[in-house]
Amino acid sequence: MMWRAAVLFAALAVALLSSGAVQAQSGFDRRGGDYSKFEIRTGDPEVCAARCERDSRCLAWSFSYPRTANAMATCWLKNKVPPRNDDACCVSGVKGAGVVEPRLGTTEFSIDRLGGDYRDFELPADPVGAACGQACSADNKCRAWTYVRPGYIGASARCFLKDKITRPRQKPCCISGVVR
């Protein structure tokens, strides 16, 4: 009898995961149901998703990017599954979903392209770094760009325009792209 319940639960979990209904997504917060919170020194939402996976009480989670240079990213574990709300501050998900970055053409989420910088400037926070990509596209010298989210190297977001294409490196702080 117990094994039938386990099989049914596993089948339900597979069905939900394959339907796409429970994928974790950037740009969403899940408010409510918090029972635990902790800071994440690396600023990586994958750490939050993994902690939820290991905790039997956790059903969902929300990760908040740092808001200032002196702040840390924060993970909120939840004992219920609140609805998701649009909010650029966060990445959230349901247990079992992992972290899914949006796919927007040539935009590279959680990628830093170190080096090749010839110009950098402050700009308003943006969940997809669109203004940084547009600045690169408008400048004939620019071949690639990296947008650094607020709180990682300063209180404000920064855009780095690059005159050469460098190797992509996985880093949650950044959004990058190649233009030419």
Protein backbone atom coordinates (compact mmCIF):
# COMPACT_ATOMS: atom_id res chain seq x y z
CA MET A 1 0.00 0.00 0.00
CA MET A 2 2.82 2.42 0.92
CA TRP A 3 4.69 1.73 -2.31
CA ARG A 4 1.57 2.60 -4.34
CA ALA A 5 1.40 6.00 -2.66
CA ALA A 6 5.11 6.55 -3.39
CA VAL A 7 4.64 5.61 -7.05
CA LEU A 8 1.60 7.90 -7.34
CA PHE A 9 3.51 10.80 -5.74
CA ALA A 10 6.49 10.25 -8.08
CA ALA A 11 4.19 10.18 -11.13
CA LEU A 12 2.50 13.41 -9.99
CA ALA A 13 5.89 15.10 -9.48
CA VAL A 14 7.07 14.06 -12.96
CA ALA A 15 3.82 15.31 -14.51
CA LEU A 16 4.12 18.69 -12.80
CA LEU A 17 7.77 19.10 -13.74
CA SER A 18 7.20 18.14 -17.37
CA SER A 19 4.23 20.51 -17.64
CA GLY A 20 6.50 23.48 -16.86
CA ALA A 21 4.12 24.65 -14.13
CA VAL A 22 6.73 24.53 -11.39
CA GLN A 23 9.85 25.93 -13.01
CA ALA A 24 11.93 28.41 -11.05
CA GLN A 25 12.27 31.71 -12.83
CA SER A 26 14.26 34.91 -12.68
CA GLY A 27 12.26 38.07 -12.14
CA PHE A 28 9.69 36.56 -9.76
CA ASP A 29 9.18 36.57 -5.99
CA ARG A 30 6.94 34.30 -3.92
CA ARG A 31 5.69 36.26 -0.92
CA GLY A 32 4.57 34.45 2.26
CA GLY A 33 5.10 31.08 3.88
CA ASP A 34 8.63 31.92 5.11
CA TYR A 35 9.99 29.72 7.88
CA SER A 36 13.73 30.28 7.39
CA LYS A 37 16.10 32.75 5.77
CA PHE A 38 19.86 32.88 5.30
CA GLU A 39 22.45 34.94 3.47
CA ILE A 40 24.33 33.58 0.46
CA ARG A 41 27.89 34.87 0.15
CA THR A 42 28.27 33.76 -3.47
CA GLY A 43 25.09 35.56 -4.55
CA ASP A 44 24.00 32.48 -6.51
CA PRO A 45 20.29 31.48 -6.59
CA GLU A 46 21.30 27.83 -7.19
CA VAL A 47 22.44 27.69 -3.55
CA CYS A 48 18.92 28.62 -2.42
CA ALA A 49 17.27 26.03 -4.70
CA ALA A 50 19.68 23.33 -3.47
CA ARG A 51 19.00 24.14 0.20
CA CYS A 52 15.26 23.78 -0.42
CA GLU A 53 15.85 20.39 -2.04
CA ARG A 54 17.65 19.12 1.08
CA ASP A 55 15.10 20.44 3.60
CA SER A 56 12.03 18.23 4.14
CA ARG A 57 9.91 21.22 5.28
CA CYS A 58 10.66 23.29 2.19
CA LEU A 59 8.04 23.44 -0.58
CA ALA A 60 9.18 26.65 -2.32
CA TRP A 61 11.86 29.33 -2.10
CA SER A 62 12.69 32.91 -3.05
CA PHE A 63 16.15 34.35 -3.63
CA SER A 64 16.76 38.12 -3.38
CA TYR A 65 19.76 39.69 -5.08
CA PRO A 66 21.79 42.04 -2.83
CA ARG A 67 20.40 45.58 -2.90
CA THR A 68 23.59 47.39 -1.90
CA ALA A 69 27.32 46.66 -2.18
CA ASN A 70 27.50 45.86 1.54
CA ALA A 71 24.46 43.59 1.56
CA MET A 72 24.33 39.86 0.87
CA ALA A 73 21.94 37.91 -1.27
CA THR A 74 19.20 36.27 0.80
CA CYS A 75 17.35 32.97 0.50
CA TRP A 76 13.85 32.53 1.95
CA LEU A 77 12.59 28.97 2.44
CA LYS A 78 8.82 28.46 2.46
CA ASN A 79 6.52 25.83 3.94
CA LYS A 80 3.80 26.49 1.33
CA VAL A 81 3.78 27.38 -2.37
CA PRO A 82 2.71 31.03 -2.68
CA PRO A 83 1.84 32.39 -6.13
CA ARG A 84 4.69 34.07 -7.98
CA ASN A 85 4.73 37.85 -8.43
CA ASP A 86 6.69 39.86 -11.00
CA ASP A 87 9.69 41.40 -9.22
CA ALA A 88 13.14 42.03 -10.70
CA CYS A 89 14.70 41.65 -7.23
CA CYS A 90 14.31 37.94 -7.14
CA VAL A 91 14.44 34.40 -8.45
CA SER A 92 11.94 31.96 -7.00
CA GLY A 93 10.76 28.44 -7.46
CA VAL A 94 9.07 25.32 -6.20
CA LYS A 95 10.98 22.37 -4.78
CA GLY A 96 12.26 20.19 -7.60
CA ALA A 97 12.39 22.94 -10.22
CA GLY A 98 15.99 24.16 -10.07
CA VAL A 99 16.82 27.57 -11.51
CA VAL A 100 15.74 28.48 -15.02
CA GLU A 101 17.14 31.69 -16.50
CA PRO A 102 15.11 33.41 -19.20
CA ARG A 103 16.21 32.95 -22.79
CA LEU A 104 16.11 36.17 -24.76
CA GLY A 105 17.94 35.79 -28.05
CA THR A 106 21.65 36.45 -27.60
CA THR A 107 21.37 37.66 -23.99
CA GLU A 108 23.49 35.47 -21.66
CA PHE A 109 22.06 35.25 -18.15
CA SER A 110 24.42 34.53 -15.22
CA ILE A 111 27.41 35.09 -17.52
CA ASP A 112 30.31 37.50 -16.99
CA ARG A 113 32.72 38.31 -19.82
CA LEU A 114 35.84 39.53 -18.00
CA GLY A 115 38.26 41.83 -19.80
CA GLY A 116 38.15 43.91 -22.94
CA ASP A 117 36.48 46.83 -21.13
CA TYR A 118 36.92 50.24 -22.73
CA ARG A 119 34.01 52.03 -21.06
CA ASP A 120 31.78 51.48 -18.03
CA PHE A 121 28.95 53.46 -16.53
CA GLU A 122 26.18 53.33 -13.96
CA LEU A 123 22.62 52.71 -15.09
CA PRO A 124 19.22 51.90 -13.55
CA ALA A 125 18.52 48.36 -12.37
CA ASP A 126 17.05 46.15 -15.09
CA PRO A 127 16.27 42.41 -14.81
CA VAL A 128 17.53 41.75 -18.35
CA GLY A 129 20.27 44.39 -18.78
CA ALA A 130 18.54 45.77 -21.89
CA ALA A 131 19.97 49.32 -21.65
CA CYS A 132 23.51 47.93 -21.48
CA GLY A 133 22.95 45.77 -24.56
CA GLN A 134 21.42 48.73 -26.41
CA ALA A 135 24.40 50.95 -25.52
CA CYS A 136 26.73 48.33 -27.00
CA SER A 137 24.65 47.96 -30.16
CA ALA A 138 24.70 51.75 -30.68
CA ASP A 139 28.52 51.96 -30.39
CA ASN A 140 30.49 50.69 -33.42
CA LYS A 141 33.54 50.00 -31.24
CA CYS A 142 31.59 47.67 -28.92
CA ARG A 143 31.72 43.94 -29.61
CA ALA A 144 30.32 42.60 -26.31
CA TRP A 145 28.87 43.83 -23.02
CA THR A 146 28.37 42.82 -19.40
CA TYR A 147 25.68 44.21 -17.09
CA VAL A 148 26.44 43.78 -13.37
CA ARG A 149 23.36 43.70 -11.14
CA PRO A 150 23.17 46.21 -8.25
CA GLY A 151 24.84 45.09 -5.04
CA TYR A 152 27.64 43.02 -6.55
CA ILE A 153 30.29 45.70 -7.18
CA GLY A 154 28.42 48.77 -5.96
CA ALA A 155 25.02 50.03 -4.90
CA SER A 156 24.01 50.67 -8.53
CA ALA A 157 24.02 48.53 -11.63
CA ARG A 158 26.99 48.97 -13.99
CA CYS A 159 27.42 48.39 -17.70
CA PHE A 160 30.78 47.38 -19.18
CA LEU A 161 31.28 47.83 -22.92
CA LYS A 162 34.01 45.67 -24.47
CA ASP A 163 36.09 46.07 -27.59
CA LYS A 164 36.83 42.35 -27.78
CA ILE A 165 34.87 39.17 -27.15
CA THR A 166 36.18 37.36 -24.10
CA ARG A 167 35.43 33.91 -22.72
CA PRO A 168 32.07 33.63 -20.89
CA ARG A 169 32.25 32.70 -17.20
CA GLN A 170 29.32 31.50 -15.11
CA LYS A 171 28.56 34.19 -12.47
CA PRO A 172 25.15 35.04 -10.99
CA CYS A 173 26.05 38.74 -10.77
CA CYS A 174 25.93 39.38 -14.44
CA ILE A 175 24.12 39.41 -17.75
CA SER A 176 26.18 39.59 -20.94
CA GLY A 177 25.90 39.55 -24.69
CA VAL A 178 27.90 39.59 -27.90
CA VAL A 179 26.94 42.16 -30.54
CA ARG A 180 29.54 41.97 -33.32
